[in-house]
PDB file of N, CA and C in Angstrom:
ATOM      1  N   UNK A   1      -1.343 -12.851   8.116  1.00  0.00           N
ATOM      2  CA  UNK A   1      -2.199 -12.409   7.238  1.00  0.00           C
ATOM      3  C   UNK A   1      -2.836 -11.986   6.514  1.00  0.00           C
ATOM      4  N   UNK A   2      -3.249 -11.651   5.752  1.00  0.00           N
ATOM      5  CA  UNK A   2      -3.798 -10.728   4.920  1.00  0.00           C
ATOM      6  C   UNK A   2      -4.513  -9.320   5.023  1.00  0.00           C
ATOM      7  N   UNK A   3      -4.237  -8.867   3.904  1.00  0.00           N
ATOM      8  CA  UNK A   3      -4.519  -7.004   4.560  1.00  0.00           C
ATOM      9  C   UNK A   3      -4.945  -6.699   2.874  1.00  0.00           C
ATOM     10  N   UNK A   4      -6.354  -6.007   2.695  1.00  0.00           N
ATOM     11  CA  UNK A   4      -6.673  -5.362   1.707  1.00  0.00           C
ATOM     12  C   UNK A   4      -6.380  -3.767   2.318  1.00  0.00           C
ATOM     13  N   UNK A   5      -5.494  -3.153   1.221  1.00  0.00           N
ATOM     14  CA  UNK A   5      -5.067  -2.064   1.414  1.00  0.00           C
ATOM     15  C   UNK A   5      -5.533  -0.805   0.411  1.00  0.00           C
ATOM     16  N   UNK A   6      -6.094   0.163   0.924  1.00  0.00           N
ATOM     17  CA  UNK A   6      -6.484   1.062   0.122  1.00  0.00           C
ATOM     18  C   UNK A   6      -6.085   2.818   0.845  1.00  0.00           C
ATOM     19  N   UNK A   7      -5.050   3.338  -0.269  1.00  0.00           N
ATOM     20  CA  UNK A   7      -4.182   4.275   0.195  1.00  0.00           C
ATOM     21  C   UNK A   7      -4.831   5.314  -1.014  1.00  0.00           C
ATOM     22  N   UNK A   8      -4.727   6.242  -0.481  1.00  0.00           N
ATOM     23  CA  UNK A   8      -5.363   7.733  -1.253  1.00  0.00           C
ATOM     24  C   UNK A   8      -4.466   9.018  -0.884  1.00  0.00           C
ATOM     25  N   UNK A   9      -4.047   9.762  -1.815  1.00  0.00           N
ATOM     26  CA  UNK A   9      -3.449  10.976  -1.597  1.00  0.00           C
ATOM     27  C   UNK A   9      -4.273  11.982  -2.365  1.00  0.00           C
ATOM     28  N   UNK A  10      -3.723  13.441  -1.993  1.00  0.00           N
ATOM     29  CA  UNK A  10      -4.577  14.349  -2.886  1.00  0.00           C
ATOM     30  C   UNK A  10      -3.425  14.555  -4.130  1.00  0.00           C
ATOM     31  N   UNK A  11      -4.108  15.629  -4.935  1.00  0.00           N
ATOM     32  CA  UNK A  11      -3.602  16.140  -5.904  1.00  0.00           C
ATOM     33  C   UNK A  11      -2.191  16.740  -5.518  1.00  0.00           C
ATOM     34  N   UNK A  12      -2.583  17.885  -4.520  1.00  0.00           N
ATOM     35  CA  UNK A  12      -1.036  18.509  -4.101  1.00  0.00           C
ATOM     36  C   UNK A  12       0.001  17.491  -3.265  1.00  0.00           C
ATOM     37  N   UNK A  13      -0.263  16.282  -2.964  1.00  0.00           N
ATOM     38  CA  UNK A  13       0.855  15.567  -2.568  1.00  0.00           C
ATOM     39  C   UNK A  13       1.085  13.988  -3.347  1.00  0.00           C
ATOM     40  N   UNK A  14       0.428  13.970  -4.607  1.00  0.00           N
ATOM     41  CA  UNK A  14       0.757  13.116  -5.735  1.00  0.00           C
ATOM     42  C   UNK A  14       1.997  13.398  -6.378  1.00  0.00           C
ATOM     43  N   UNK A  15       2.792  12.494  -6.272  1.00  0.00           N
ATOM     44  CA  UNK A  15       4.142  11.567  -6.680  1.00  0.00           C
ATOM     45  C   UNK A  15       4.207  11.795  -8.334  1.00  0.00           C
ATOM     46  N   UNK A  16       2.973  12.126  -8.931  1.00  0.00           N
ATOM     47  CA  UNK A  16       2.975  12.037 -10.481  1.00  0.00           C
ATOM     48  C   UNK A  16       4.355  12.963 -11.224  1.00  0.00           C
ATOM     49  N   UNK A  17       4.101  13.939 -10.454  1.00  0.00           N
ATOM     50  CA  UNK A  17       4.788  15.386 -11.242  1.00  0.00           C
ATOM     51  C   UNK A  17       5.820  15.847 -10.157  1.00  0.00           C
ATOM     52  N   UNK A  18       6.615  14.689  -9.353  1.00  0.00           N
ATOM     53  CA  UNK A  18       7.480  15.141  -8.121  1.00  0.00           C
ATOM     54  C   UNK A  18       8.392  14.002  -8.152  1.00  0.00           C
ATOM     55  N   UNK A  19       9.580  13.874  -8.699  1.00  0.00           N
ATOM     56  CA  UNK A  19      10.187  12.622  -8.734  1.00  0.00           C
ATOM     57  C   UNK A  19      10.716  12.087  -7.447  1.00  0.00           C
ATOM     58  N   UNK A  20      10.868  13.098  -6.340  1.00  0.00           N
ATOM     59  CA  UNK A  20      11.247  12.739  -5.179  1.00  0.00           C
ATOM     60  C   UNK A  20      10.391  12.071  -4.382  1.00  0.00           C
ATOM     61  N   UNK A  21       9.010  12.143  -4.783  1.00  0.00           N
ATOM     62  CA  UNK A  21       7.785  11.531  -3.741  1.00  0.00           C
ATOM     63  C   UNK A  21       7.403  10.314  -4.752  1.00  0.00           C
ATOM     64  N   UNK A  22       7.320  10.642  -6.074  1.00  0.00           N
ATOM     65  CA  UNK A  22       7.539   9.012  -6.780  1.00  0.00           C
ATOM     66  C   UNK A  22       8.575   8.190  -6.479  1.00  0.00           C
ATOM     67  N   UNK A  23       9.597   8.609  -6.393  1.00  0.00           N
ATOM     68  CA  UNK A  23      10.712   7.586  -5.890  1.00  0.00           C
ATOM     69  C   UNK A  23      10.952   7.285  -4.443  1.00  0.00           C
ATOM     70  N   UNK A  24      10.471   8.024  -3.649  1.00  0.00           N
ATOM     71  CA  UNK A  24       9.869   7.474  -2.197  1.00  0.00           C
ATOM     72  C   UNK A  24       8.762   6.456  -2.073  1.00  0.00           C
ATOM     73  N   UNK A  25       7.874   6.970  -3.135  1.00  0.00           N
ATOM     74  CA  UNK A  25       6.403   5.629  -2.686  1.00  0.00           C
ATOM     75  C   UNK A  25       6.719   4.459  -3.734  1.00  0.00           C
ATOM     76  N   UNK A  26       7.680   4.472  -4.751  1.00  0.00           N
ATOM     77  CA  UNK A  26       8.257   3.285  -4.998  1.00  0.00           C
ATOM     78  C   UNK A  26       9.370   2.684  -4.415  1.00  0.00           C
ATOM     79  N   UNK A  27      10.042   3.153  -3.716  1.00  0.00           N
ATOM     80  CA  UNK A  27      10.755   2.175  -3.145  1.00  0.00           C
ATOM     81  C   UNK A  27      10.535   1.632  -1.443  1.00  0.00           C
ATOM     82  N   UNK A  28       9.197   2.508  -0.981  1.00  0.00           N
ATOM     83  CA  UNK A  28       8.594   1.870  -0.106  1.00  0.00           C
ATOM     84  C   UNK A  28       8.047   0.407   0.048  1.00  0.00           C
ATOM     85  N   UNK A  29       7.084   0.297  -1.434  1.00  0.00           N
ATOM     86  CA  UNK A  29       6.459  -0.686  -1.950  1.00  0.00           C
ATOM     87  C   UNK A  29       7.636  -1.701  -2.699  1.00  0.00           C
ATOM     88  N   UNK A  30       8.708  -1.509  -3.258  1.00  0.00           N
ATOM     89  CA  UNK A  30       9.870  -2.391  -3.723  1.00  0.00           C
ATOM     90  C   UNK A  30      10.584  -2.823  -2.400  1.00  0.00           C
ATOM     91  N   UNK A  31      10.699  -2.289  -1.113  1.00  0.00           N
ATOM     92  CA  UNK A  31      11.488  -2.998   0.268  1.00  0.00           C
ATOM     93  C   UNK A  31      10.306  -3.340   1.033  1.00  0.00           C
ATOM     94  N   UNK A  32       8.978  -3.400   0.750  1.00  0.00           N
ATOM     95  CA  UNK A  32       8.187  -4.219   1.409  1.00  0.00           C
ATOM     96  C   UNK A  32       8.450  -5.674   2.156  1.00  0.00           C
ATOM     97  N   UNK A  33       9.143  -6.225   0.894  1.00  0.00           N
ATOM     98  CA  UNK A  33       9.498  -8.117   1.185  1.00  0.00           C
ATOM     99  C   UNK A  33      10.436  -7.729   2.190  1.00  0.00           C
ATOM    100  N   UNK A  34      11.660  -6.428   2.596  1.00  0.00           N
ATOM    101  CA  UNK A  34      12.964  -6.665   3.433  1.00  0.00           C
ATOM    102  C   UNK A  34      12.324  -6.339   4.362  1.00  0.00           C
ATOM    103  N   UNK A  35      10.756  -5.613   4.544  1.00  0.00           N
ATOM    104  CA  UNK A  35       9.979  -5.628   5.822  1.00  0.00           C
ATOM    105  C   UNK A  35       9.163  -6.960   6.074  1.00  0.00           C
ATOM    106  N   UNK A  36       9.132  -8.542   5.950  1.00  0.00           N
ATOM    107  CA  UNK A  36       8.317  -9.060   5.573  1.00  0.00           C
ATOM    108  C   UNK A  36       6.821  -9.294   5.033  1.00  0.00           C
ATOM    109  N   UNK A  37       6.952  -8.527   4.310  1.00  0.00           N
ATOM    110  CA  UNK A  37       5.671  -8.237   3.673  1.00  0.00           C
ATOM    111  C   UNK A  37       5.833  -8.766   2.207  1.00  0.00           C
ATOM    112  N   UNK A  38       4.810  -9.518   2.000  1.00  0.00           N
ATOM    113  CA  UNK A  38       4.451  -9.913   0.674  1.00  0.00           C
ATOM    114  C   UNK A  38       3.466  -9.351  -0.103  1.00  0.00           C
ATOM    115  N   UNK A  39       3.448  -8.473  -1.000  1.00  0.00           N
ATOM    116  CA  UNK A  39       2.685  -7.889  -1.951  1.00  0.00           C
ATOM    117  C   UNK A  39       2.108  -8.814  -3.306  1.00  0.00           C
ATOM    118  N   UNK A  40       0.783  -9.025  -2.839  1.00  0.00           N
ATOM    119  CA  UNK A  40       0.381 -10.152  -4.020  1.00  0.00           C
ATOM    120  C   UNK A  40      -0.107  -9.141  -4.906  1.00  0.00           C
ATOM    121  N   UNK A  41      -0.838  -8.121  -4.890  1.00  0.00           N
ATOM    122  CA  UNK A  41      -1.215  -7.019  -5.772  1.00  0.00           C
ATOM    123  C   UNK A  41      -1.033  -5.630  -5.534  1.00  0.00           C
ATOM    124  N   UNK A  42      -1.108  -5.307  -6.724  1.00  0.00           N
ATOM    125  CA  UNK A  42      -0.717  -3.908  -6.471  1.00  0.00           C
ATOM    126  C   UNK A  42      -1.080  -2.992  -8.047  1.00  0.00           C
ATOM    127  N   UNK A  43      -2.453  -2.252  -7.447  1.00  0.00           N
ATOM    128  CA  UNK A  43      -3.097  -1.704  -8.630  1.00  0.00           C
ATOM    129  C   UNK A  43      -3.255  -0.054  -8.237  1.00  0.00           C
ATOM    130  N   UNK A  44      -3.657   0.579  -9.187  1.00  0.00           N
ATOM    131  CA  UNK A  44      -4.115   1.948  -8.930  1.00  0.00           C
ATOM    132  C   UNK A  44      -5.138   2.475  -9.801  1.00  0.00           C
ATOM    133  N   UNK A  45      -6.049   3.348  -9.497  1.00  0.00           N
ATOM    134  CA  UNK A  45      -7.166   4.464 -10.359  1.00  0.00           C
ATOM    135  C   UNK A  45      -6.354   5.679 -10.185  1.00  0.00           C
ATOM    136  N   UNK A  46      -5.252   6.191 -11.506  1.00  0.00           N
ATOM    137  CA  UNK A  46      -4.658   7.320 -11.155  1.00  0.00           C
ATOM    138  C   UNK A  46      -5.604   8.666 -10.903  1.00  0.00           C
ATOM    139  N   UNK A  47      -7.126   8.445 -11.714  1.00  0.00           N
ATOM    140  CA  UNK A  47      -7.669   9.894 -11.586  1.00  0.00           C
ATOM    141  C   UNK A  47      -8.169  10.006 -10.417  1.00  0.00           C
ATOM    142  N   UNK A  48      -8.251   8.580  -9.453  1.00  0.00           N
ATOM    143  CA  UNK A  48      -8.781   9.066  -8.075  1.00  0.00           C
ATOM    144  C   UNK A  48      -7.957   9.107  -6.958  1.00  0.00           C
ATOM    145  N   UNK A  49      -6.461   9.043  -7.665  1.00  0.00           N
ATOM    146  CA  UNK A  49      -5.340   9.056  -6.476  1.00  0.00           C
ATOM    147  C   UNK A  49      -5.225   8.059  -5.794  1.00  0.00           C
ATOM    148  N   UNK A  50      -5.839   6.675  -6.024  1.00  0.00           N
ATOM    149  CA  UNK A  50      -6.183   5.665  -5.226  1.00  0.00           C
ATOM    150  C   UNK A  50      -5.032   4.587  -5.589  1.00  0.00           C
ATOM    151  N   UNK A  51      -4.510   3.912  -4.436  1.00  0.00           N
ATOM    152  CA  UNK A  51      -3.964   2.703  -4.485  1.00  0.00           C
ATOM    153  C   UNK A  51      -4.502   1.479  -3.628  1.00  0.00           C
ATOM    154  N   UNK A  52      -4.397   0.206  -4.472  1.00  0.00           N
ATOM    155  CA  UNK A  52      -5.118  -0.489  -3.929  1.00  0.00           C
ATOM    156  C   UNK A  52      -4.033  -1.590  -3.688  1.00  0.00           C
ATOM    157  N   UNK A  53      -4.109  -2.416  -2.814  1.00  0.00           N
ATOM    158  CA  UNK A  53      -3.019  -3.446  -2.505  1.00  0.00           C
ATOM    159  C   UNK A  53      -3.481  -4.685  -1.750  1.00  0.00           C
ATOM    160  N   UNK A  54      -3.115  -5.830  -2.294  1.00  0.00           N
ATOM    161  CA  UNK A  54      -3.256  -7.377  -1.452  1.00  0.00           C
ATOM    162  C   UNK A  54      -2.164  -7.865  -0.810  1.00  0.00           C
ATOM    163  N   UNK A  55      -2.114  -7.439   0.323  1.00  0.00           N
ATOM    164  CA  UNK A  55      -0.451  -7.528   0.777  1.00  0.00           C
ATOM    165  C   UNK A  55      -0.560  -8.796   2.166  1.00  0.00           C
ATOM    166  N   UNK A  56       0.497  -9.583   2.153  1.00  0.00           N
ATOM    167  CA  UNK A  56       0.741 -10.334   3.130  1.00  0.00           C
ATOM    168  C   UNK A  56       1.659 -10.601   4.126  1.00  0.00           C
ATOM    169  N   UNK A  57       1.427 -10.271   5.673  1.00  0.00           N
ATOM    170  CA  UNK A  57       2.229 -10.371   6.678  1.00  0.00           C
ATOM    171  C   UNK A  57       2.159 -11.124   7.910  1.00  0.00           C
ATOM    172  N   UNK A  58       3.187 -11.336   8.522  1.00  0.00           N
ATOM    173  CA  UNK A  58       2.494 -11.790   9.901  1.00  0.00           C
ATOM    174  C   UNK A  58       2.254 -11.114  11.057  1.00  0.00           C
ATOM    175  N   UNK A  59       2.038  -9.400  10.763  1.00  0.00           N
ATOM    176  CA  UNK A  59       1.628  -8.655  11.880  1.00  0.00           C
ATOM    177  C   UNK A  59       1.131  -7.497  10.894  1.00  0.00           C
ATOM    178  N   UNK A  60       0.444  -6.765  11.571  1.00  0.00           N
ATOM    179  CA  UNK A  60      -0.067  -5.520  11.549  1.00  0.00           C
ATOM    180  C   UNK A  60       0.884  -4.456  11.454  1.00  0.00           C
ATOM    181  N   UNK A  61       1.519  -4.507  12.317  1.00  0.00           N
ATOM    182  CA  UNK A  61       2.327  -3.755  12.878  1.00  0.00           C
ATOM    183  C   UNK A  61       3.640  -3.505  11.943  1.00  0.00           C
ATOM    184  N   UNK A  62       4.081  -4.560  10.998  1.00  0.00           N
ATOM    185  CA  UNK A  62       4.936  -4.566   9.753  1.00  0.00           C
ATOM    186  C   UNK A  62       4.077  -3.879   8.691  1.00  0.00           C
ATOM    187  N   UNK A  63       3.001  -3.920   8.610  1.00  0.00           N
ATOM    188  CA  UNK A  63       2.217  -3.451   7.410  1.00  0.00           C
ATOM    189  C   UNK A  63       2.133  -1.822   7.811  1.00  0.00           C
ATOM    190  N   UNK A  64       2.217  -1.221   9.231  1.00  0.00           N
ATOM    191  CA  UNK A  64       2.090   0.040   9.506  1.00  0.00           C
ATOM    192  C   UNK A  64       3.194   0.712   9.405  1.00  0.00           C
ATOM    193  N   UNK A  65       4.673  -0.198   9.923  1.00  0.00           N
ATOM    194  CA  UNK A  65       5.569   0.057   9.495  1.00  0.00           C
ATOM    195  C   UNK A  65       6.300   0.608   8.199  1.00  0.00           C
ATOM    196  N   UNK A  66       5.988  -0.130   7.007  1.00  0.00           N
ATOM    197  CA  UNK A  66       6.016   0.213   5.903  1.00  0.00           C
ATOM    198  C   UNK A  66       5.806   1.417   5.816  1.00  0.00           C
ATOM    199  N   UNK A  67       4.439   1.701   5.897  1.00  0.00           N
ATOM    200  CA  UNK A  67       3.567   3.015   5.725  1.00  0.00           C
ATOM    201  C   UNK A  67       4.706   4.410   6.295  1.00  0.00           C
ATOM    202  N   UNK A  68       5.935   4.039   7.523  1.00  0.00           N
ATOM    203  CA  UNK A  68       6.196   5.189   7.877  1.00  0.00           C
ATOM    204  C   UNK A  68       6.624   6.110   6.768  1.00  0.00           C
ATOM    205  N   UNK A  69       7.588   5.870   5.560  1.00  0.00           N
ATOM    206  CA  UNK A  69       7.750   6.876   4.977  1.00  0.00           C
ATOM    207  C   UNK A  69       7.140   7.510   4.168  1.00  0.00           C
ATOM    208  N   UNK A  70       5.978   7.283   4.100  1.00  0.00           N
ATOM    209  CA  UNK A  70       5.139   8.227   2.972  1.00  0.00           C
ATOM    210  C   UNK A  70       3.981   8.409   3.830  1.00  0.00           C
ATOM    211  N   UNK A  71       3.867   8.762   5.328  1.00  0.00           N
ATOM    212  CA  UNK A  71       2.667   8.716   5.906  1.00  0.00           C
ATOM    213  C   UNK A  71       2.361  10.174   5.824  1.00  0.00           C
ATOM    214  N   UNK A  72       2.938  11.068   5.385  1.00  0.00           N
ATOM    215  CA  UNK A  72       2.641  12.194   5.058  1.00  0.00           C
ATOM    216  C   UNK A  72       2.073  12.594   3.484  1.00  0.00           C
ATOM    217  N   UNK A  73       2.312  11.666   2.812  1.00  0.00           N
ATOM    218  CA  UNK A  73       1.567  11.500   1.547  1.00  0.00           C
ATOM    219  C   UNK A  73       0.538  10.755   1.442  1.00  0.00           C
ATOM    220  N   UNK A  74       0.116   9.860   2.222  1.00  0.00           N
ATOM    221  CA  UNK A  74      -1.163   9.170   1.349  1.00  0.00           C
ATOM    222  C   UNK A  74      -1.714   8.606   3.004  1.00  0.00           C
ATOM    223  N   UNK A  75      -3.411   8.560   2.730  1.00  0.00           N
ATOM    224  CA  UNK A  75      -4.196   7.922   4.141  1.00  0.00           C
ATOM    225  C   UNK A  75      -4.169   6.565   3.283  1.00  0.00           C
ATOM    226  N   UNK A  76      -4.418   5.717   4.695  1.00  0.00           N
ATOM    227  CA  UNK A  76      -4.559   4.393   4.022  1.00  0.00           C
ATOM    228  C   UNK A  76      -5.587   4.037   4.953  1.00  0.00           C
ATOM    229  N   UNK A  77      -6.495   3.135   4.727  1.00  0.00           N
ATOM    230  CA  UNK A  77      -7.377   1.951   5.025  1.00  0.00           C
ATOM    231  C   UNK A  77      -7.059   0.726   4.860  1.00  0.00           C
ATOM    232  N   UNK A  78      -6.610   0.026   6.181  1.00  0.00           N
ATOM    233  CA  UNK A  78      -6.172  -0.872   6.096  1.00  0.00           C
ATOM    234  C   UNK A  78      -7.060  -2.188   6.791  1.00  0.00           C
ATOM    235  N   UNK A  79      -7.600  -3.169   6.092  1.00  0.00           N
ATOM    236  CA  UNK A  79      -8.429  -4.047   6.592  1.00  0.00           C
ATOM    237  C   UNK A  79      -7.882  -5.723   6.535  1.00  0.00           C
ATOM    238  N   UNK A  80      -8.052  -6.206   7.538  1.00  0.00           N
ATOM    239  CA  UNK A  80      -7.627  -7.552   7.250  1.00  0.00           C
ATOM    240  C   UNK A  80      -8.611  -8.443   6.743  1.00  0.00           C
ATOM    241  N   UNK A  81      -7.928  -9.371   5.804  1.00  0.00           N
ATOM    242  CA  UNK A  81      -9.286  -9.689   4.882  1.00  0.00           C
ATOM    243  C   UNK A  81      -8.344 -11.643   4.826  1.00  0.00           C
ATOM    244  N   UNK A  82      -9.428 -12.530   4.216  1.00  0.00           N
ATOM    245  CA  UNK A  82      -8.988 -13.922   4.256  1.00  0.00           C
ATOM    246  C   UNK A  82      -9.361 -14.295   2.497  1.00  0.00           C
ATOM    247  N   UNK A  83      -8.902 -15.520   2.262  1.00  0.00           N
ATOM    248  CA  UNK A  83      -9.222 -16.187   0.847  1.00  0.00           C
ATOM    249  C   UNK A  83     -10.550 -16.912   1.176  1.00  0.00           C
ATOM    250  N   UNK A  84     -11.032 -15.895   0.312  1.00  0.00           N
ATOM    251  CA  UNK A  84     -12.671 -16.873  -0.386  1.00  0.00           C
ATOM    252  C   UNK A  84     -12.807 -18.049  -0.770  1.00  0.00           C
ATOM    253  N   UNK A  85     -13.701 -19.253  -0.224  1.00  0.00           N
ATOM    254  CA  UNK A  85     -13.747 -20.337  -0.849  1.00  0.00           C
ATOM    255  C   UNK A  85     -14.670 -19.920  -1.910  1.00  0.00           C
ATOM    256  N   UNK A  86     -14.756 -20.667  -2.666  1.00  0.00           N
ATOM    257  CA  UNK A  86     -15.531 -20.965  -4.094  1.00  0.00           C
ATOM    258  C   UNK A  86     -16.440 -21.858  -4.078  1.00  0.00           C
ATOM    259  N   UNK A  87     -16.572 -22.777  -2.955  1.00  0.00           N
ATOM    260  CA  UNK A  87     -17.408 -23.658  -2.556  1.00  0.00           C
ATOM    261  C   UNK A  87     -18.168 -23.405  -1.365  1.00  0.00           C
ATOM    262  N   UNK A  88     -18.940 -22.344  -2.199  1.00  0.00           N
ATOM    263  CA  UNK A  88     -19.929 -21.821  -0.975  1.00  0.00           C
ATOM    264  C   UNK A  88     -21.044 -22.695  -1.264  1.00  0.00           C
TER     265      UNK A  88
END
């Protein structure tokens, strides 16, 4: 299954100026593959404190588990998606 993930956080919970939070956020996404998740794309809009991701996993539960370490730092909207054919 493919998922579009939009994760936002506040200025107060931003990891940009907190080395521990930055390390935790980074390790969460770097270790995704160990949890059976392939991150196809990971981009950010820093001024809006928002991360966008396209991820692939067998289950939603694996995606949910990936966010366990950063649940107090971010709010995520996780939407199942599928590839769109250009042969419309």
